[in-house]
Amino acid sequence: MSQLKGEMIFQIRPDYNQGVNDVRRVVPDIEYKFSFNQEDGLELSTDEIHFHFNKFLRSLGYQIDNSTFENFEDEDNDDLELDDDTPFIEEEDIDGQ
């Protein structure tokens, strides 16, 4: 299979003559896009596409649970983890309680 390179775009452009009289009910234009280049080693499977499509749906207000693919560990932030032996220090409130 040849290496793909391009841009994936998910968008919604509703008719703004939506017949509503409350601005909170108007659906905005939404465009979600990301670039990919498999020649640089980027993987693009259905899991990755599904990950981005879920983000697009969330931007529209849909409540979608995170998949196991989306619950990944950020390897770049390993140094931010706290040691389990780090003591928790309670501070007094301003009124001394």
N, C-alpha and C. Protein backbone atom coordinates (compact mmCIF):
# COMPACT_ATOMS: atom_id res chain seq x y z
N MET A 1 0.85 -1.18 0.00
CA MET A 1 0.00 0.00 0.00
C MET A 1 0.89 1.24 0.00
N SER A 2 0.53 2.20 -0.80
CA SER A 2 1.32 3.43 -0.85
C SER A 2 1.09 4.28 0.39
N GLN A 3 2.06 5.13 0.67
CA GLN A 3 1.99 6.01 1.83
C GLN A 3 1.07 7.20 1.51
N LEU A 4 0.15 7.48 2.42
CA LEU A 4 -0.79 8.57 2.22
C LEU A 4 -0.28 9.86 2.85
N LYS A 5 -0.66 10.96 2.25
CA LYS A 5 -0.30 12.28 2.75
C LYS A 5 -1.48 13.19 2.43
N GLY A 6 -1.91 13.96 3.41
CA GLY A 6 -3.05 14.84 3.13
C GLY A 6 -3.64 15.47 4.37
N GLU A 7 -4.90 15.79 4.25
CA GLU A 7 -5.62 16.45 5.33
C GLU A 7 -7.01 15.82 5.43
N MET A 8 -7.43 15.51 6.64
CA MET A 8 -8.76 14.99 6.86
C MET A 8 -9.60 16.08 7.49
N ILE A 9 -10.78 16.31 6.94
CA ILE A 9 -11.64 17.41 7.39
C ILE A 9 -13.03 16.88 7.71
N PHE A 10 -13.51 17.21 8.91
CA PHE A 10 -14.89 16.96 9.30
C PHE A 10 -15.52 18.34 9.49
N GLN A 11 -16.65 18.57 8.88
CA GLN A 11 -17.27 19.88 9.04
C GLN A 11 -18.79 19.81 9.00
N ILE A 12 -19.38 20.79 9.62
CA ILE A 12 -20.83 20.95 9.57
C ILE A 12 -21.10 22.42 9.30
N ARG A 13 -21.93 22.68 8.34
CA ARG A 13 -22.30 24.04 7.99
C ARG A 13 -23.84 24.09 7.87
N PRO A 14 -24.50 24.23 9.02
CA PRO A 14 -25.96 24.22 9.01
C PRO A 14 -26.53 25.47 8.34
N ASP A 15 -27.73 25.35 7.88
CA ASP A 15 -28.47 26.47 7.31
C ASP A 15 -28.79 27.44 8.45
N TYR A 16 -28.28 28.66 8.35
CA TYR A 16 -28.50 29.60 9.45
C TYR A 16 -29.91 30.18 9.48
N ASN A 17 -30.73 29.87 8.51
CA ASN A 17 -32.13 30.21 8.59
C ASN A 17 -32.82 29.03 9.27
N GLN A 18 -32.50 28.84 10.55
CA GLN A 18 -32.96 27.66 11.27
C GLN A 18 -34.33 27.83 11.91
N GLY A 19 -34.92 28.98 11.73
CA GLY A 19 -36.27 29.19 12.25
C GLY A 19 -36.35 29.20 13.76
N VAL A 20 -35.31 29.66 14.43
CA VAL A 20 -35.34 29.75 15.89
C VAL A 20 -35.23 31.21 16.29
N ASN A 21 -35.77 31.53 17.45
CA ASN A 21 -35.70 32.91 17.91
C ASN A 21 -34.80 33.06 19.14
N ASP A 22 -34.05 32.01 19.46
CA ASP A 22 -33.14 32.04 20.60
C ASP A 22 -31.75 31.69 20.08
N VAL A 23 -30.82 32.61 20.21
CA VAL A 23 -29.47 32.42 19.67
C VAL A 23 -28.79 31.19 20.27
N ARG A 24 -29.19 30.77 21.46
CA ARG A 24 -28.58 29.59 22.08
C ARG A 24 -28.94 28.31 21.35
N ARG A 25 -29.94 28.36 20.49
CA ARG A 25 -30.36 27.17 19.74
C ARG A 25 -29.78 27.12 18.33
N VAL A 26 -29.04 28.14 17.94
CA VAL A 26 -28.43 28.17 16.62
C VAL A 26 -27.18 27.30 16.62
N VAL A 27 -27.05 26.42 15.65
CA VAL A 27 -25.90 25.54 15.55
C VAL A 27 -24.81 26.27 14.74
N PRO A 28 -23.60 26.41 15.29
CA PRO A 28 -22.55 27.13 14.58
C PRO A 28 -21.88 26.28 13.50
N ASP A 29 -21.15 26.94 12.60
CA ASP A 29 -20.28 26.23 11.68
C ASP A 29 -19.13 25.64 12.48
N ILE A 30 -18.83 24.39 12.23
CA ILE A 30 -17.71 23.74 12.92
C ILE A 30 -16.87 23.06 11.85
N GLU A 31 -15.56 23.28 11.93
CA GLU A 31 -14.64 22.56 11.05
C GLU A 31 -13.50 22.02 11.90
N TYR A 32 -13.28 20.72 11.81
CA TYR A 32 -12.20 20.05 12.53
C TYR A 32 -11.33 19.39 11.48
N LYS A 33 -10.05 19.71 11.47
CA LYS A 33 -9.18 19.09 10.47
C LYS A 33 -7.81 18.78 11.06
N PHE A 34 -7.18 17.79 10.49
CA PHE A 34 -5.82 17.45 10.87
C PHE A 34 -5.08 16.95 9.64
N SER A 35 -3.80 17.24 9.62
CA SER A 35 -2.92 16.82 8.52
C SER A 35 -2.22 15.53 8.90
N PHE A 36 -1.89 14.75 7.89
CA PHE A 36 -1.16 13.52 8.14
C PHE A 36 -0.20 13.26 6.98
N ASN A 37 0.90 12.61 7.32
CA ASN A 37 1.90 12.26 6.33
C ASN A 37 2.51 10.93 6.74
N GLN A 38 2.06 9.88 6.11
CA GLN A 38 2.56 8.54 6.46
C GLN A 38 4.00 8.34 6.01
N GLU A 39 4.49 9.17 5.10
CA GLU A 39 5.88 9.07 4.68
C GLU A 39 6.82 9.41 5.83
N ASP A 40 6.34 10.20 6.80
CA ASP A 40 7.15 10.57 7.97
C ASP A 40 6.97 9.59 9.11
N GLY A 41 6.28 8.46 8.88
CA GLY A 41 6.12 7.43 9.90
C GLY A 41 4.82 7.52 10.68
N LEU A 42 3.98 8.49 10.38
CA LEU A 42 2.70 8.61 11.08
C LEU A 42 1.79 7.46 10.70
N GLU A 43 1.21 6.82 11.70
CA GLU A 43 0.24 5.76 11.44
C GLU A 43 -1.15 6.38 11.33
N LEU A 44 -1.94 5.89 10.43
CA LEU A 44 -3.31 6.38 10.28
C LEU A 44 -4.22 5.18 10.07
N SER A 45 -4.76 4.68 11.17
CA SER A 45 -5.65 3.54 11.11
C SER A 45 -7.08 4.01 11.40
N THR A 46 -7.99 3.09 11.39
CA THR A 46 -9.37 3.46 11.71
C THR A 46 -9.48 3.94 13.16
N ASP A 47 -8.60 3.44 14.05
CA ASP A 47 -8.60 3.92 15.44
C ASP A 47 -8.25 5.40 15.51
N GLU A 48 -7.22 5.82 14.77
CA GLU A 48 -6.83 7.23 14.77
C GLU A 48 -7.92 8.11 14.15
N ILE A 49 -8.53 7.64 13.08
CA ILE A 49 -9.61 8.41 12.45
C ILE A 49 -10.80 8.51 13.40
N HIS A 50 -11.12 7.41 14.08
CA HIS A 50 -12.22 7.38 15.05
C HIS A 50 -11.94 8.35 16.20
N PHE A 51 -10.68 8.39 16.67
CA PHE A 51 -10.25 9.31 17.72
C PHE A 51 -10.57 10.75 17.32
N HIS A 52 -10.20 11.15 16.12
CA HIS A 52 -10.43 12.52 15.67
C HIS A 52 -11.91 12.79 15.38
N PHE A 53 -12.62 11.80 14.86
CA PHE A 53 -14.05 12.00 14.61
C PHE A 53 -14.80 12.19 15.93
N ASN A 54 -14.41 11.46 16.98
CA ASN A 54 -15.02 11.66 18.30
C ASN A 54 -14.76 13.07 18.81
N LYS A 55 -13.55 13.59 18.60
CA LYS A 55 -13.25 14.97 19.01
C LYS A 55 -14.13 15.96 18.26
N PHE A 56 -14.36 15.70 16.98
CA PHE A 56 -15.25 16.55 16.18
C PHE A 56 -16.67 16.51 16.76
N LEU A 57 -17.18 15.32 17.06
CA LEU A 57 -18.53 15.21 17.62
C LEU A 57 -18.63 15.90 18.97
N ARG A 58 -17.58 15.81 19.79
CA ARG A 58 -17.59 16.50 21.08
C ARG A 58 -17.64 18.02 20.89
N SER A 59 -16.99 18.52 19.83
CA SER A 59 -17.04 19.96 19.56
C SER A 59 -18.44 20.41 19.20
N LEU A 60 -19.28 19.49 18.76
CA LEU A 60 -20.68 19.79 18.48
C LEU A 60 -21.57 19.65 19.70
N GLY A 61 -20.99 19.18 20.80
CA GLY A 61 -21.75 19.05 22.04
C GLY A 61 -22.18 17.64 22.38
N TYR A 62 -21.82 16.68 21.53
CA TYR A 62 -22.17 15.29 21.85
C TYR A 62 -21.32 14.81 23.01
N GLN A 63 -21.92 14.03 23.89
CA GLN A 63 -21.19 13.47 25.02
C GLN A 63 -20.83 12.03 24.68
N ILE A 64 -19.56 11.84 24.37
CA ILE A 64 -19.07 10.54 23.94
C ILE A 64 -18.01 10.08 24.92
N ASP A 65 -18.15 8.86 25.43
CA ASP A 65 -17.16 8.30 26.34
C ASP A 65 -15.84 8.12 25.62
N ASN A 66 -14.74 8.25 26.36
CA ASN A 66 -13.42 7.99 25.80
C ASN A 66 -13.25 6.51 25.56
N SER A 67 -12.70 6.17 24.41
CA SER A 67 -12.37 4.77 24.14
C SER A 67 -11.05 4.44 24.82
N THR A 68 -10.70 3.17 24.85
CA THR A 68 -9.42 2.79 25.44
C THR A 68 -8.28 3.39 24.64
N PHE A 69 -8.47 3.57 23.35
CA PHE A 69 -7.44 4.20 22.52
C PHE A 69 -7.21 5.64 22.96
N GLU A 70 -8.27 6.34 23.37
CA GLU A 70 -8.16 7.74 23.77
C GLU A 70 -7.57 7.90 25.16
N ASN A 71 -7.59 6.87 25.97
CA ASN A 71 -7.06 6.93 27.33
C ASN A 71 -5.60 6.52 27.34
N PHE A 72 -4.81 7.12 26.46
CA PHE A 72 -3.40 6.77 26.39
C PHE A 72 -2.58 7.58 27.39
N GLU A 73 -1.42 7.05 27.74
CA GLU A 73 -0.48 7.74 28.62
C GLU A 73 0.38 8.66 27.76
N ASP A 74 0.65 9.84 28.23
CA ASP A 74 1.52 10.77 27.51
C ASP A 74 2.96 10.48 27.92
N GLU A 75 3.70 9.82 27.03
CA GLU A 75 5.07 9.42 27.35
C GLU A 75 5.96 10.64 27.58
N ASP A 76 5.64 11.78 27.01
CA ASP A 76 6.47 12.97 27.16
C ASP A 76 6.36 13.58 28.54
N ASN A 77 5.35 13.22 29.33
CA ASN A 77 5.14 13.82 30.64
C ASN A 77 5.40 12.84 31.79
N ASP A 78 6.24 11.85 31.55
CA ASP A 78 6.55 10.89 32.60
C ASP A 78 7.18 11.54 33.81
N ASP A 79 7.94 12.62 33.60
CA ASP A 79 8.63 13.27 34.71
C ASP A 79 7.68 14.08 35.59
N LEU A 80 6.41 14.22 35.19
CA LEU A 80 5.45 14.99 35.96
C LEU A 80 4.73 14.15 37.01
N GLU A 81 4.94 12.84 36.98
CA GLU A 81 4.25 11.97 37.92
C GLU A 81 4.78 12.19 39.33
N LEU A 82 3.89 12.21 40.30
CA LEU A 82 4.29 12.35 41.69
C LEU A 82 4.63 10.99 42.26
N ASP A 83 5.61 10.98 43.12
CA ASP A 83 5.99 9.76 43.82
C ASP A 83 4.89 9.44 44.85
N ASP A 84 4.56 8.18 45.01
CA ASP A 84 3.51 7.81 45.97
C ASP A 84 3.90 8.16 47.40
N ASP A 85 5.19 8.36 47.65
CA ASP A 85 5.65 8.70 48.99
C ASP A 85 5.60 10.19 49.28
N THR A 86 5.13 10.99 48.30
CA THR A 86 5.05 12.43 48.51
C THR A 86 4.00 12.73 49.56
N PRO A 87 4.37 13.39 50.66
CA PRO A 87 3.38 13.66 51.72
C PRO A 87 2.38 14.73 51.29
N PHE A 88 1.18 14.57 51.75
CA PHE A 88 0.13 15.56 51.52
C PHE A 88 0.14 16.55 52.69
N ILE A 89 0.34 17.81 52.38
CA ILE A 89 0.44 18.82 53.43
C ILE A 89 -0.86 19.62 53.45
N GLU A 90 -1.54 19.57 54.58
CA GLU A 90 -2.77 20.34 54.72
C GLU A 90 -2.43 21.74 55.19
N GLU A 91 -3.07 22.71 54.56
CA GLU A 91 -2.86 24.09 54.95
C GLU A 91 -4.08 24.58 55.73
N GLU A 92 -3.84 25.48 56.66
CA GLU A 92 -4.95 26.04 57.43
C GLU A 92 -5.73 27.02 56.56
N ASP A 93 -7.03 27.07 56.79
CA ASP A 93 -7.85 28.07 56.13
C ASP A 93 -7.51 29.44 56.71
N ILE A 94 -7.94 30.48 56.04
CA ILE A 94 -7.66 31.85 56.47
C ILE A 94 -8.23 32.10 57.87
N ASP A 95 -9.37 31.50 58.17
CA ASP A 95 -9.98 31.75 59.49
C ASP A 95 -9.43 30.80 60.56
N GLY A 96 -8.37 30.03 60.26
CA GLY A 96 -7.68 29.22 61.25
C GLY A 96 -8.29 27.85 61.46
N GLN A 97 -9.19 27.40 60.62
CA GLN A 97 -9.83 26.11 60.82
C GLN A 97 -9.08 25.02 60.10
